[in-house]
Amino acid sequence: MSKRSVVRRLVAGVLVLLLLGGLAGCAAEEEKPAAQETKVKAAIIFSIVNPARAGGWDRADWAGIEALRNEYGWEVTVAEGVPYAQTAATAAGYAEQGYDLVIFPDAGQTAAFLEVAPKYPKTWFVMMSMCEKLPNSPRVAAWSPDLYAYGEMVGLVAGKATESGIIGLVGGVPVPALITLFSGTIEAAKFVRPDVEVLTYFVGDWVDVAKHRELAALQIQEGADVIFPETGPGTLGCYEAAQAGGAKIVGFAWDMYEDAPEVMLTSVIINKPRMYRDLAEQFMSGDLEKKIVHCGAEYFGLADFRGSLPEETVKEIQDLVTKLQNGELPIPVVIHEEIGGS
């Protein structure tokens, strides 16, 4: 065998070894498990307990939390039953623990939002309720439902549905967000029925079933045949009063039919899951920025009436709601501060 042949065979052998080694290396790399991405850690603070089964507002937030967990894989810690006075300290605790985001679902937590965010500029603090001002901090944002427009939608339903011409509004605590919402309800009800009378009572808390039942019953005694309770777990008392007194309920924020099918007229829904998805998409893409996202009537809608009203009346209400969403109803903006006792 010539020297040239020997050299050629040696070179070919080296190339084969190199090729096999490279393939083995690639296979080894492919067999390695992919590095697990770090989960986004978020905390949300509720002033009530059992938000998944509380009032409509909290249930709508809970649906948003489920979207964060199930659709985006976020790790979401839930604090329940935190009094407003302790909200700031609770939020600070999560920031100290290195959470990526702290979420406030309740406008009653505004003072805590404004207080704690500037102290932790590396943590995102997000308000998921009515918000007029952001804290002085770089990582703050809000998805602020237009609660006046939401109240208008409630007023259109109640004003069209009442036969007695008297509707009742039962609130938990007269926080500014609720004053705004009830004001929209009053003005829209007057828009569709100028002679309507609107009774507005505040219980003083969100949870006392007996007090809610008592105030709703009092409104029914005064002639109200449609009741709108904007409150928390105490809403059950309003349902009980409506059933005993022959009135109808407009559910708040979520489809509340299963809680009281005998008295539920419909529910005016807030699409809070959409708000939470907006937040998740922007955070994960790096596009989240310091701003207030104003969520108008396009974020609200009606649950099924399920035969609670004549089809003609339902059609009239749905047409009015469509016009409201399109900005075609000239309902005045009047904030009724007097209903809060101020």
C-alpha atoms as a PDB file:
ATOM      1  CA  MET A   1       0.000   0.000   0.000  1.00  0.00           C
ATOM      2  CA  SER A   2       1.379   3.388  -0.934  1.00  0.00           C
ATOM      3  CA  LYS A   3       2.101   6.094   1.593  1.00  0.00           C
ATOM      4  CA  ARG A   4      -0.521   8.297  -0.104  1.00  0.00           C
ATOM      5  CA  SER A   5      -3.224   5.636   0.477  1.00  0.00           C
ATOM      6  CA  VAL A   6      -2.267   5.327   4.137  1.00  0.00           C
ATOM      7  CA  VAL A   7      -2.520   9.081   4.639  1.00  0.00           C
ATOM      8  CA  ARG A   8      -5.913   9.161   2.929  1.00  0.00           C
ATOM      9  CA  ARG A   9      -7.250   6.398   5.186  1.00  0.00           C
ATOM     10  CA  LEU A  10      -5.964   8.138   8.305  1.00  0.00           C
ATOM     11  CA  VAL A  11      -7.593  11.435   7.310  1.00  0.00           C
ATOM     12  CA  ALA A  12     -10.909   9.681   6.553  1.00  0.00           C
ATOM     13  CA  GLY A  13     -10.836   7.942   9.934  1.00  0.00           C
ATOM     14  CA  VAL A  14     -10.239  11.204  11.757  1.00  0.00           C
ATOM     15  CA  LEU A  15     -13.134  12.846   9.890  1.00  0.00           C
ATOM     16  CA  VAL A  16     -15.472   9.956  10.782  1.00  0.00           C
ATOM     17  CA  LEU A  17     -14.497  10.209  14.452  1.00  0.00           C
ATOM     18  CA  LEU A  18     -15.050  13.942  14.444  1.00  0.00           C
ATOM     19  CA  LEU A  19     -18.433  13.528  12.769  1.00  0.00           C
ATOM     20  CA  LEU A  20     -19.570  10.864  15.223  1.00  0.00           C
ATOM     21  CA  GLY A  21     -18.376  12.948  18.128  1.00  0.00           C
ATOM     22  CA  GLY A  22     -20.304  15.945  16.862  1.00  0.00           C
ATOM     23  CA  LEU A  23     -23.480  13.911  16.397  1.00  0.00           C
ATOM     24  CA  ALA A  24     -23.113  12.437  19.873  1.00  0.00           C
ATOM     25  CA  GLY A  25     -22.671  15.914  21.285  1.00  0.00           C
ATOM     26  CA  CYS A  26     -25.822  17.139  19.542  1.00  0.00           C
ATOM     27  CA  ALA A  27     -27.780  14.152  20.799  1.00  0.00           C
ATOM     28  CA  ALA A  28     -26.562  14.793  24.334  1.00  0.00           C
ATOM     29  CA  GLU A  29     -27.652  18.402  24.072  1.00  0.00           C
ATOM     30  CA  GLU A  30     -31.047  17.342  22.786  1.00  0.00           C
ATOM     31  CA  GLU A  31     -31.448  14.929  25.705  1.00  0.00           C
ATOM     32  CA  LYS A  32     -30.808  17.673  28.251  1.00  0.00           C
ATOM     33  CA  PRO A  33     -34.080  19.014  29.711  1.00  0.00           C
ATOM     34  CA  ALA A  34     -34.873  22.544  28.665  1.00  0.00           C
ATOM     35  CA  ALA A  35     -34.190  25.131  31.317  1.00  0.00           C
ATOM     36  CA  GLN A  36     -37.423  25.860  33.194  1.00  0.00           C
ATOM     37  CA  GLU A  37     -38.570  29.430  32.853  1.00  0.00           C
ATOM     38  CA  THR A  38     -39.037  31.338  36.084  1.00  0.00           C
ATOM     39  CA  LYS A  39     -42.706  31.750  36.886  1.00  0.00           C
ATOM     40  CA  VAL A  40     -44.134  35.203  37.302  1.00  0.00           C
ATOM     41  CA  LYS A  41     -45.009  35.722  40.975  1.00  0.00           C
ATOM     42  CA  ALA A  42     -47.986  37.928  41.707  1.00  0.00           C
ATOM     43  CA  ALA A  43     -49.961  38.668  44.861  1.00  0.00           C
ATOM     44  CA  ILE A  44     -53.510  39.983  45.113  1.00  0.00           C
ATOM     45  CA  ILE A  45     -55.050  41.403  48.281  1.00  0.00           C
ATOM     46  CA  PHE A  46     -58.759  41.134  49.101  1.00  0.00           C
ATOM     47  CA  SER A  47     -60.533  42.903  51.932  1.00  0.00           C
ATOM     48  CA  ILE A  48     -63.090  40.083  52.117  1.00  0.00           C
ATOM     49  CA  VAL A  49     -62.772  36.329  52.601  1.00  0.00           C
ATOM     50  CA  ASN A  50     -63.535  33.631  50.025  1.00  0.00           C
ATOM     51  CA  PRO A  51     -63.511  35.949  46.991  1.00  0.00           C
ATOM     52  CA  ALA A  52     -64.337  33.071  44.651  1.00  0.00           C
ATOM     53  CA  ARG A  53     -67.806  32.882  46.245  1.00  0.00           C
ATOM     54  CA  ALA A  54     -68.259  36.451  47.499  1.00  0.00           C
ATOM     55  CA  GLY A  55     -69.930  39.335  45.684  1.00  0.00           C
ATOM     56  CA  GLY A  56     -69.875  39.767  41.921  1.00  0.00           C
ATOM     57  CA  TRP A  57     -66.892  42.143  41.885  1.00  0.00           C
ATOM     58  CA  ASP A  58     -64.712  39.646  43.731  1.00  0.00           C
ATOM     59  CA  ARG A  59     -65.899  36.747  41.561  1.00  0.00           C
ATOM     60  CA  ALA A  60     -64.981  38.708  38.455  1.00  0.00           C
ATOM     61  CA  ASP A  61     -61.503  39.267  39.911  1.00  0.00           C
ATOM     62  CA  TRP A  62     -61.281  35.576  40.770  1.00  0.00           C
ATOM     63  CA  ALA A  63     -61.974  34.690  37.149  1.00  0.00           C
ATOM     64  CA  GLY A  64     -59.095  37.008  36.255  1.00  0.00           C
ATOM     65  CA  ILE A  65     -56.820  35.244  38.733  1.00  0.00           C
ATOM     66  CA  GLU A  66     -57.742  31.887  37.218  1.00  0.00           C
ATOM     67  CA  ALA A  67     -56.792  33.260  33.800  1.00  0.00           C
ATOM     68  CA  LEU A  68     -53.361  34.294  35.125  1.00  0.00           C
ATOM     69  CA  ARG A  69     -52.818  30.843  36.609  1.00  0.00           C
ATOM     70  CA  ASN A  70     -54.253  28.602  33.926  1.00  0.00           C
ATOM     71  CA  GLU A  71     -53.557  30.532  30.734  1.00  0.00           C
ATOM     72  CA  TYR A  72     -50.235  32.179  31.584  1.00  0.00           C
ATOM     73  CA  GLY A  73     -48.794  29.872  34.233  1.00  0.00           C
ATOM     74  CA  TRP A  74     -48.399  32.599  36.837  1.00  0.00           C
ATOM     75  CA  GLU A  75     -47.936  31.810  40.502  1.00  0.00           C
ATOM     76  CA  VAL A  76     -50.602  33.927  42.217  1.00  0.00           C
ATOM     77  CA  THR A  77     -50.780  34.277  45.992  1.00  0.00           C
ATOM     78  CA  VAL A  78     -54.115  35.430  47.399  1.00  0.00           C
ATOM     79  CA  ALA A  79     -54.499  37.318  50.686  1.00  0.00           C
ATOM     80  CA  GLU A  80     -58.064  37.342  52.029  1.00  0.00           C
ATOM     81  CA  GLY A  81     -59.839  39.345  54.714  1.00  0.00           C
ATOM     82  CA  VAL A  82     -57.201  42.091  54.896  1.00  0.00           C
ATOM     83  CA  PRO A  83     -58.663  45.281  56.448  1.00  0.00           C
ATOM     84  CA  TYR A  84     -58.016  48.472  54.521  1.00  0.00           C
ATOM     85  CA  ALA A  85     -55.799  49.730  57.361  1.00  0.00           C
ATOM     86  CA  GLN A  86     -53.474  46.743  56.908  1.00  0.00           C
ATOM     87  CA  THR A  87     -53.369  46.688  53.122  1.00  0.00           C
ATOM     88  CA  ALA A  88     -50.208  48.779  52.759  1.00  0.00           C
ATOM     89  CA  ALA A  89     -48.253  46.614  55.215  1.00  0.00           C
ATOM     90  CA  THR A  90     -49.436  43.437  53.475  1.00  0.00           C
ATOM     91  CA  ALA A  91     -48.420  44.793  50.066  1.00  0.00           C
ATOM     92  CA  ALA A  92     -45.028  45.834  51.420  1.00  0.00           C
ATOM     93  CA  GLY A  93     -44.503  42.304  52.722  1.00  0.00           C
ATOM     94  CA  TYR A  94     -44.980  40.852  49.253  1.00  0.00           C
ATOM     95  CA  ALA A  95     -42.583  43.399  47.773  1.00  0.00           C
ATOM     96  CA  GLU A  96     -39.981  42.478  50.405  1.00  0.00           C
ATOM     97  CA  GLN A  97     -40.366  38.823  49.409  1.00  0.00           C
ATOM     98  CA  GLY A  98     -39.496  39.635  45.798  1.00  0.00           C
ATOM     99  CA  TYR A  99     -42.888  39.313  44.137  1.00  0.00           C
ATOM    100  CA  ASP A 100     -42.995  40.683  40.607  1.00  0.00           C
ATOM    101  CA  LEU A 101     -46.435  42.269  40.949  1.00  0.00           C
ATOM    102  CA  VAL A 102     -48.841  43.237  43.724  1.00  0.00           C
ATOM    103  CA  ILE A 103     -52.456  43.695  42.617  1.00  0.00           C
ATOM    104  CA  PHE A 104     -55.150  45.746  44.329  1.00  0.00           C
ATOM    105  CA  PRO A 105     -58.682  44.749  43.198  1.00  0.00           C
ATOM    106  CA  ASP A 106     -60.557  47.297  45.310  1.00  0.00           C
ATOM    107  CA  ALA A 107     -60.750  51.096  45.020  1.00  0.00           C
ATOM    108  CA  GLY A 108     -61.004  51.164  48.803  1.00  0.00           C
ATOM    109  CA  GLN A 109     -57.294  50.217  48.736  1.00  0.00           C
ATOM    110  CA  THR A 110     -56.301  53.407  46.913  1.00  0.00           C
ATOM    111  CA  ALA A 111     -54.589  54.948  49.948  1.00  0.00           C
ATOM    112  CA  ALA A 112     -52.410  51.848  50.334  1.00  0.00           C
ATOM    113  CA  PHE A 113     -51.649  51.864  46.587  1.00  0.00           C
ATOM    114  CA  LEU A 114     -50.437  55.459  46.767  1.00  0.00           C
ATOM    115  CA  GLU A 115     -48.484  54.865  49.966  1.00  0.00           C
ATOM    116  CA  VAL A 116     -46.589  51.659  49.347  1.00  0.00           C
ATOM    117  CA  ALA A 117     -45.637  51.804  45.651  1.00  0.00           C
ATOM    118  CA  PRO A 118     -43.060  54.636  45.954  1.00  0.00           C
ATOM    119  CA  LYS A 119     -41.203  52.625  48.601  1.00  0.00           C
ATOM    120  CA  TYR A 120     -40.606  49.672  46.256  1.00  0.00           C
ATOM    121  CA  PRO A 121     -39.796  51.034  42.785  1.00  0.00           C
ATOM    122  CA  LYS A 122     -38.615  47.620  41.510  1.00  0.00           C
ATOM    123  CA  THR A 123     -42.009  45.982  42.111  1.00  0.00           C
ATOM    124  CA  TRP A 124     -45.050  46.481  39.890  1.00  0.00           C
ATOM    125  CA  PHE A 125     -48.143  47.663  41.757  1.00  0.00           C
ATOM    126  CA  VAL A 126     -51.403  47.470  39.807  1.00  0.00           C
ATOM    127  CA  MET A 127     -54.877  48.774  40.650  1.00  0.00           C
ATOM    128  CA  MET A 128     -57.766  46.810  39.105  1.00  0.00           C
ATOM    129  CA  SER A 129     -60.497  49.268  40.018  1.00  0.00           C
ATOM    130  CA  MET A 130     -61.418  52.895  39.518  1.00  0.00           C
ATOM    131  CA  CYS A 131     -58.227  54.963  39.588  1.00  0.00           C
ATOM    132  CA  GLU A 132     -57.777  58.679  39.014  1.00  0.00           C
ATOM    133  CA  LYS A 133     -54.132  59.073  40.041  1.00  0.00           C
ATOM    134  CA  LEU A 134     -51.063  56.835  39.961  1.00  0.00           C
ATOM    135  CA  PRO A 135     -48.469  56.738  42.759  1.00  0.00           C
ATOM    136  CA  ASN A 136     -45.162  58.524  42.344  1.00  0.00           C
ATOM    137  CA  SER A 137     -43.280  55.417  41.285  1.00  0.00           C
ATOM    138  CA  PRO A 138     -41.982  54.064  37.948  1.00  0.00           C
ATOM    139  CA  ARG A 139     -43.706  50.647  38.042  1.00  0.00           C
ATOM    140  CA  VAL A 140     -47.358  51.382  38.620  1.00  0.00           C
ATOM    141  CA  ALA A 141     -50.384  50.889  36.399  1.00  0.00           C
ATOM    142  CA  ALA A 142     -54.161  50.666  36.619  1.00  0.00           C
ATOM    143  CA  TRP A 143     -57.022  49.143  34.688  1.00  0.00           C
ATOM    144  CA  SER A 144     -59.773  51.537  35.641  1.00  0.00           C
ATOM    145  CA  PRO A 145     -63.354  50.572  34.729  1.00  0.00           C
ATOM    146  CA  ASP A 146     -65.536  53.550  33.886  1.00  0.00           C
ATOM    147  CA  LEU A 147     -67.892  52.940  36.784  1.00  0.00           C
ATOM    148  CA  TYR A 148     -70.130  55.817  35.796  1.00  0.00           C
ATOM    149  CA  ALA A 149     -70.746  54.095  32.449  1.00  0.00           C
ATOM    150  CA  TYR A 150     -71.236  50.815  34.288  1.00  0.00           C
ATOM    151  CA  GLY A 151     -73.809  52.494  36.516  1.00  0.00           C
ATOM    152  CA  GLU A 152     -75.515  53.856  33.409  1.00  0.00           C
ATOM    153  CA  MET A 153     -75.937  50.325  32.104  1.00  0.00           C
ATOM    154  CA  VAL A 154     -77.498  49.283  35.423  1.00  0.00           C
ATOM    155  CA  GLY A 155     -79.810  52.294  35.297  1.00  0.00           C
ATOM    156  CA  LEU A 156     -80.983  51.469  31.779  1.00  0.00           C
ATOM    157  CA  VAL A 157     -81.923  47.953  32.888  1.00  0.00           C
ATOM    158  CA  ALA A 158     -83.584  48.968  36.160  1.00  0.00           C
ATOM    159  CA  GLY A 159     -85.374  51.978  34.673  1.00  0.00           C
ATOM    160  CA  LYS A 160     -86.883  49.864  31.918  1.00  0.00           C
ATOM    161  CA  ALA A 161     -87.701  46.885  34.146  1.00  0.00           C
ATOM    162  CA  THR A 162     -89.415  48.625  37.075  1.00  0.00           C
ATOM    163  CA  GLU A 163     -93.179  48.560  37.120  1.00  0.00           C
ATOM    164  CA  SER A 164     -93.617  50.581  40.311  1.00  0.00           C
ATOM    165  CA  GLY A 165     -91.282  53.344  39.130  1.00  0.00           C
ATOM    166  CA  ILE A 166     -89.115  52.881  42.250  1.00  0.00           C
ATOM    167  CA  ILE A 167     -85.711  51.168  42.252  1.00  0.00           C
ATOM    168  CA  GLY A 168     -83.383  50.490  45.162  1.00  0.00           C
ATOM    169  CA  LEU A 169     -79.598  50.712  45.332  1.00  0.00           C
ATOM    170  CA  VAL A 170     -77.888  48.951  48.255  1.00  0.00           C
ATOM    171  CA  GLY A 171     -74.191  49.634  48.780  1.00  0.00           C
ATOM    172  CA  GLY A 172     -71.617  48.307  51.203  1.00  0.00           C
ATOM    173  CA  VAL A 173     -69.399  51.295  52.033  1.00  0.00           C
ATOM    174  CA  PRO A 174     -69.757  54.702  50.308  1.00  0.00           C
ATOM    175  CA  VAL A 175     -66.289  54.712  48.735  1.00  0.00           C
ATOM    176  CA  PRO A 176     -65.830  57.182  45.826  1.00  0.00           C
ATOM    177  CA  ALA A 177     -66.025  54.390  43.235  1.00  0.00           C
ATOM    178  CA  LEU A 178     -69.444  53.363  44.502  1.00  0.00           C
ATOM    179  CA  ILE A 179     -70.721  56.951  44.647  1.00  0.00           C
ATOM    180  CA  THR A 180     -69.677  57.294  40.997  1.00  0.00           C
ATOM    181  CA  LEU A 181     -71.362  54.042  40.005  1.00  0.00           C
ATOM    182  CA  PHE A 182     -74.642  54.837  41.767  1.00  0.00           C
ATOM    183  CA  SER A 183     -74.627  58.320  40.235  1.00  0.00           C
ATOM    184  CA  GLY A 184     -74.520  56.799  36.755  1.00  0.00           C
ATOM    185  CA  THR A 185     -77.368  54.474  37.711  1.00  0.00           C
ATOM    186  CA  ILE A 186     -79.524  57.366  38.919  1.00  0.00           C
ATOM    187  CA  GLU A 187     -78.989  59.466  35.802  1.00  0.00           C
ATOM    188  CA  ALA A 188     -79.548  56.607  33.332  1.00  0.00           C
ATOM    189  CA  ALA A 189     -82.706  55.467  35.122  1.00  0.00           C
ATOM    190  CA  LYS A 190     -84.028  59.041  34.867  1.00  0.00           C
ATOM    191  CA  PHE A 191     -83.051  59.120  31.204  1.00  0.00           C
ATOM    192  CA  VAL A 192     -85.310  56.186  30.327  1.00  0.00           C
ATOM    193  CA  ARG A 193     -87.976  56.977  32.919  1.00  0.00           C
ATOM    194  CA  PRO A 194     -88.019  60.632  34.035  1.00  0.00           C
ATOM    195  CA  ASP A 195     -90.478  59.978  36.900  1.00  0.00           C
ATOM    196  CA  VAL A 196     -88.410  57.196  38.467  1.00  0.00           C
ATOM    197  CA  GLU A 197     -87.559  57.329  42.174  1.00  0.00           C
ATOM    198  CA  VAL A 198     -84.202  55.926  43.260  1.00  0.00           C
ATOM    199  CA  LEU A 199     -83.661  54.855  46.881  1.00  0.00           C
ATOM    200  CA  THR A 200     -79.997  54.623  47.911  1.00  0.00           C
ATOM    201  CA  TYR A 201     -78.902  53.002  51.184  1.00  0.00           C
ATOM    202  CA  PHE A 202     -75.440  52.075  52.477  1.00  0.00           C
ATOM    203  CA  VAL A 203     -75.003  49.253  54.968  1.00  0.00           C
ATOM    204  CA  GLY A 204     -71.611  50.322  56.333  1.00  0.00           C
ATOM    205  CA  ASP A 205     -69.808  47.064  55.495  1.00  0.00           C
ATOM    206  CA  TRP A 206     -69.659  44.436  52.768  1.00  0.00           C
ATOM    207  CA  VAL A 207     -70.467  41.272  54.710  1.00  0.00           C
ATOM    208  CA  ASP A 208     -73.350  41.648  57.193  1.00  0.00           C
ATOM    209  CA  VAL A 209     -76.139  39.569  55.630  1.00  0.00           C
ATOM    210  CA  ALA A 210     -78.748  40.600  58.203  1.00  0.00           C
ATOM    211  CA  LYS A 211     -78.160  44.337  57.662  1.00  0.00           C
ATOM    212  CA  HIS A 212     -78.276  43.951  53.892  1.00  0.00           C
ATOM    213  CA  ARG A 213     -81.522  42.016  54.168  1.00  0.00           C
ATOM    214  CA  GLU A 214     -83.001  44.682  56.455  1.00  0.00           C
ATOM    215  CA  LEU A 215     -82.187  47.610  54.175  1.00  0.00           C
ATOM    216  CA  ALA A 216     -83.336  45.846  51.012  1.00  0.00           C
ATOM    217  CA  ALA A 217     -86.583  44.884  52.758  1.00  0.00           C
ATOM    218  CA  LEU A 218     -87.083  48.506  53.770  1.00  0.00           C
ATOM    219  CA  GLN A 219     -86.668  49.620  50.147  1.00  0.00           C
ATOM    220  CA  ILE A 220     -89.216  47.027  49.044  1.00  0.00           C
ATOM    221  CA  GLN A 221     -91.634  48.271  51.690  1.00  0.00           C
ATOM    222  CA  GLU A 222     -91.199  51.745  50.213  1.00  0.00           C
ATOM    223  CA  GLY A 223     -92.238  50.432  46.788  1.00  0.00           C
ATOM    224  CA  ALA A 224     -88.997  49.357  45.102  1.00  0.00           C
ATOM    225  CA  ASP A 225     -89.548  46.386  42.803  1.00  0.00           C
ATOM    226  CA  VAL A 226     -86.004  46.276  41.327  1.00  0.00           C
ATOM    227  CA  ILE A 227     -82.965  46.169  43.653  1.00  0.00           C
ATOM    228  CA  PHE A 228     -79.325  46.566  42.635  1.00  0.00           C
ATOM    229  CA  PRO A 229     -76.904  45.487  45.414  1.00  0.00           C
ATOM    230  CA  GLU A 230     -73.293  46.585  44.932  1.00  0.00           C
ATOM    231  CA  THR A 231     -71.652  44.888  47.845  1.00  0.00           C
ATOM    232  CA  GLY A 232     -69.783  41.763  48.933  1.00  0.00           C
ATOM    233  CA  PRO A 233     -70.900  38.582  50.717  1.00  0.00           C
ATOM    234  CA  GLY A 234     -73.726  40.555  52.344  1.00  0.00           C
ATOM    235  CA  THR A 235     -75.481  40.523  48.965  1.00  0.00           C
ATOM    236  CA  LEU A 236     -77.148  37.301  50.052  1.00  0.00           C
ATOM    237  CA  GLY A 237     -79.340  39.334  52.412  1.00  0.00           C
ATOM    238  CA  CYS A 238     -80.613  41.416  49.501  1.00  0.00           C
ATOM    239  CA  TYR A 239     -81.510  38.256  47.591  1.00  0.00           C
ATOM    240  CA  GLU A 240     -83.437  36.946  50.588  1.00  0.00           C
ATOM    241  CA  ALA A 241     -85.341  40.212  50.966  1.00  0.00           C
ATOM    242  CA  ALA A 242     -86.209  40.272  47.259  1.00  0.00           C
ATOM    243  CA  GLN A 243     -87.515  36.727  47.369  1.00  0.00           C
ATOM    244  CA  ALA A 244     -89.639  37.451  50.430  1.00  0.00           C
ATOM    245  CA  GLY A 245     -90.898  40.769  49.086  1.00  0.00           C
ATOM    246  CA  GLY A 246     -91.511  39.882  45.442  1.00  0.00           C
ATOM    247  CA  ALA A 247     -88.809  42.179  44.012  1.00  0.00           C
ATOM    248  CA  LYS A 248     -86.214  41.494  41.320  1.00  0.00           C
ATOM    249  CA  ILE A 249     -82.416  41.770  41.533  1.00  0.00           C
ATOM    250  CA  VAL A 250     -79.914  43.144  39.027  1.00  0.00           C
ATOM    251  CA  GLY A 251     -76.706  41.196  39.672  1.00  0.00           C
ATOM    252  CA  PHE A 252     -73.406  43.006  40.070  1.00  0.00           C
ATOM    253  CA  ALA A 253     -70.258  42.461  37.964  1.00  0.00           C
ATOM    254  CA  TRP A 254     -70.663  38.709  37.364  1.00  0.00           C
ATOM    255  CA  ASP A 255     -73.520  36.459  36.293  1.00  0.00           C
ATOM    256  CA  MET A 256     -75.159  35.891  39.684  1.00  0.00           C
ATOM    257  CA  TYR A 257     -78.086  33.808  38.427  1.00  0.00           C
ATOM    258  CA  GLU A 258     -77.109  30.584  40.179  1.00  0.00           C
ATOM    259  CA  ASP A 259     -77.122  32.325  43.570  1.00  0.00           C
ATOM    260  CA  ALA A 260     -80.753  33.420  43.305  1.00  0.00           C
ATOM    261  CA  PRO A 261     -82.468  32.140  40.151  1.00  0.00           C
ATOM    262  CA  GLU A 262     -85.951  33.012  41.407  1.00  0.00           C
ATOM    263  CA  VAL A 263     -85.254  36.738  41.702  1.00  0.00           C
ATOM    264  CA  MET A 264     -82.385  37.430  39.281  1.00  0.00           C
ATOM    265  CA  LEU A 265     -83.511  39.763  36.506  1.00  0.00           C
ATOM    266  CA  THR A 266     -80.115  39.806  34.804  1.00  0.00           C
ATOM    267  CA  SER A 267     -76.569  40.809  35.747  1.00  0.00           C
ATOM    268  CA  VAL A 268     -74.452  43.645  34.410  1.00  0.00           C
ATOM    269  CA  ILE A 269     -71.090  41.992  33.867  1.00  0.00           C
ATOM    270  CA  ILE A 270     -67.638  43.560  34.095  1.00  0.00           C
ATOM    271  CA  ASN A 271     -65.154  41.711  31.901  1.00  0.00           C
ATOM    272  CA  LYS A 272     -62.369  41.685  34.474  1.00  0.00           C
ATOM    273  CA  PRO A 273     -60.742  38.574  32.966  1.00  0.00           C
ATOM    274  CA  ARG A 274     -60.067  40.703  29.892  1.00  0.00           C
ATOM    275  CA  MET A 275     -58.369  43.285  32.122  1.00  0.00           C
ATOM    276  CA  TYR A 276     -56.148  40.627  33.708  1.00  0.00           C
ATOM    277  CA  ARG A 277     -55.264  39.199  30.304  1.00  0.00           C
ATOM    278  CA  ASP A 278     -54.293  42.689  29.157  1.00  0.00           C
ATOM    279  CA  LEU A 279     -52.007  42.959  32.179  1.00  0.00           C
ATOM    280  CA  ALA A 280     -50.428  39.551  31.618  1.00  0.00           C
ATOM    281  CA  GLU A 281     -49.771  40.117  27.916  1.00  0.00           C
ATOM    282  CA  GLN A 282     -48.148  43.494  28.531  1.00  0.00           C
ATOM    283  CA  PHE A 283     -46.050  42.326  31.473  1.00  0.00           C
ATOM    284  CA  MET A 284     -44.759  39.227  29.721  1.00  0.00           C
ATOM    285  CA  SER A 285     -43.939  41.076  26.506  1.00  0.00           C
ATOM    286  CA  GLY A 286     -42.149  43.858  28.387  1.00  0.00           C
ATOM    287  CA  ASP A 287     -44.679  46.436  27.203  1.00  0.00           C
ATOM    288  CA  LEU A 288     -46.231  47.198  30.599  1.00  0.00           C
ATOM    289  CA  GLU A 289     -45.817  50.879  31.350  1.00  0.00           C
ATOM    290  CA  LYS A 290     -46.864  53.492  33.844  1.00  0.00           C
ATOM    291  CA  LYS A 291     -50.375  54.415  32.760  1.00  0.00           C
ATOM    292  CA  ILE A 292     -54.072  54.212  33.538  1.00  0.00           C
ATOM    293  CA  VAL A 293     -56.012  52.050  31.080  1.00  0.00           C
ATOM    294  CA  HIS A 294     -59.554  53.405  30.962  1.00  0.00           C
ATOM    295  CA  CYS A 295     -62.001  50.531  30.465  1.00  0.00           C
ATOM    296  CA  GLY A 296     -65.226  51.892  29.010  1.00  0.00           C
ATOM    297  CA  ALA A 297     -68.615  50.396  28.272  1.00  0.00           C
ATOM    298  CA  GLU A 298     -67.026  47.940  25.813  1.00  0.00           C
ATOM    299  CA  TYR A 299     -65.809  46.039  28.908  1.00  0.00           C
ATOM    300  CA  PHE A 300     -69.392  45.653  30.214  1.00  0.00           C
ATOM    301  CA  GLY A 301     -72.309  43.516  29.090  1.00  0.00           C
ATOM    302  CA  LEU A 302     -75.552  41.834  30.141  1.00  0.00           C
ATOM    303  CA  ALA A 303     -76.110  38.275  31.282  1.00  0.00           C
ATOM    304  CA  ASP A 304     -79.026  36.325  29.826  1.00  0.00           C
ATOM    305  CA  PHE A 305     -82.435  37.517  31.053  1.00  0.00           C
ATOM    306  CA  ARG A 306     -83.652  33.893  31.076  1.00  0.00           C
ATOM    307  CA  GLY A 307     -87.279  34.877  30.545  1.00  0.00           C
ATOM    308  CA  SER A 308     -87.433  37.366  33.433  1.00  0.00           C
ATOM    309  CA  LEU A 309     -88.850  40.120  31.182  1.00  0.00           C
ATOM    310  CA  PRO A 310     -90.978  40.211  28.029  1.00  0.00           C
ATOM    311  CA  GLU A 311     -88.908  39.850  24.871  1.00  0.00           C
ATOM    312  CA  GLU A 312     -89.954  43.308  23.703  1.00  0.00           C
ATOM    313  CA  THR A 313     -88.584  44.902  26.882  1.00  0.00           C
ATOM    314  CA  VAL A 314     -85.375  42.883  26.624  1.00  0.00           C
ATOM    315  CA  LYS A 315     -84.922  44.089  23.045  1.00  0.00           C
ATOM    316  CA  GLU A 316     -85.413  47.701  24.126  1.00  0.00           C
ATOM    317  CA  ILE A 317     -82.809  47.312  26.870  1.00  0.00           C
ATOM    318  CA  GLN A 318     -80.302  45.633  24.554  1.00  0.00           C
ATOM    319  CA  ASP A 319     -80.729  48.390  21.969  1.00  0.00           C
ATOM    320  CA  LEU A 320     -80.111  51.027  24.644  1.00  0.00           C
ATOM    321  CA  VAL A 321     -77.007  49.191  25.857  1.00  0.00           C
ATOM    322  CA  THR A 322     -75.627  49.047  22.307  1.00  0.00           C
ATOM    323  CA  LYS A 323     -76.172  52.777  21.931  1.00  0.00           C
ATOM    324  CA  LEU A 324     -74.448  53.369  25.281  1.00  0.00           C
ATOM    325  CA  GLN A 325     -71.441  51.334  24.143  1.00  0.00           C
ATOM    326  CA  ASN A 326     -71.345  53.364  20.927  1.00  0.00           C
ATOM    327  CA  GLY A 327     -71.521  56.686  22.801  1.00  0.00           C
ATOM    328  CA  GLU A 328     -74.927  57.528  21.364  1.00  0.00           C
ATOM    329  CA  LEU A 329     -76.915  58.218  24.561  1.00  0.00           C
ATOM    330  CA  PRO A 330     -76.834  61.821  25.873  1.00  0.00           C
ATOM    331  CA  ILE A 331     -76.960  60.883  29.554  1.00  0.00           C
ATOM    332  CA  PRO A 332     -75.542  63.709  31.691  1.00  0.00           C
ATOM    333  CA  VAL A 333     -72.619  63.113  34.044  1.00  0.00           C
ATOM    334  CA  VAL A 334     -73.758  64.164  37.507  1.00  0.00           C
ATOM    335  CA  ILE A 335     -71.962  62.901  40.628  1.00  0.00           C
ATOM    336  CA  HIS A 336     -74.423  62.661  43.524  1.00  0.00           C
ATOM    337  CA  GLU A 337     -72.094  63.200  46.479  1.00  0.00           C
ATOM    338  CA  GLU A 338     -75.123  63.621  48.727  1.00  0.00           C
ATOM    339  CA  ILE A 339     -75.981  59.925  48.604  1.00  0.00           C
ATOM    340  CA  GLY A 340     -72.821  59.111  50.537  1.00  0.00           C
ATOM    341  CA  GLY A 341     -73.866  61.284  53.437  1.00  0.00           C
ATOM    342  CA  SER A 342     -71.191  63.914  52.771  1.00  0.00           C
END
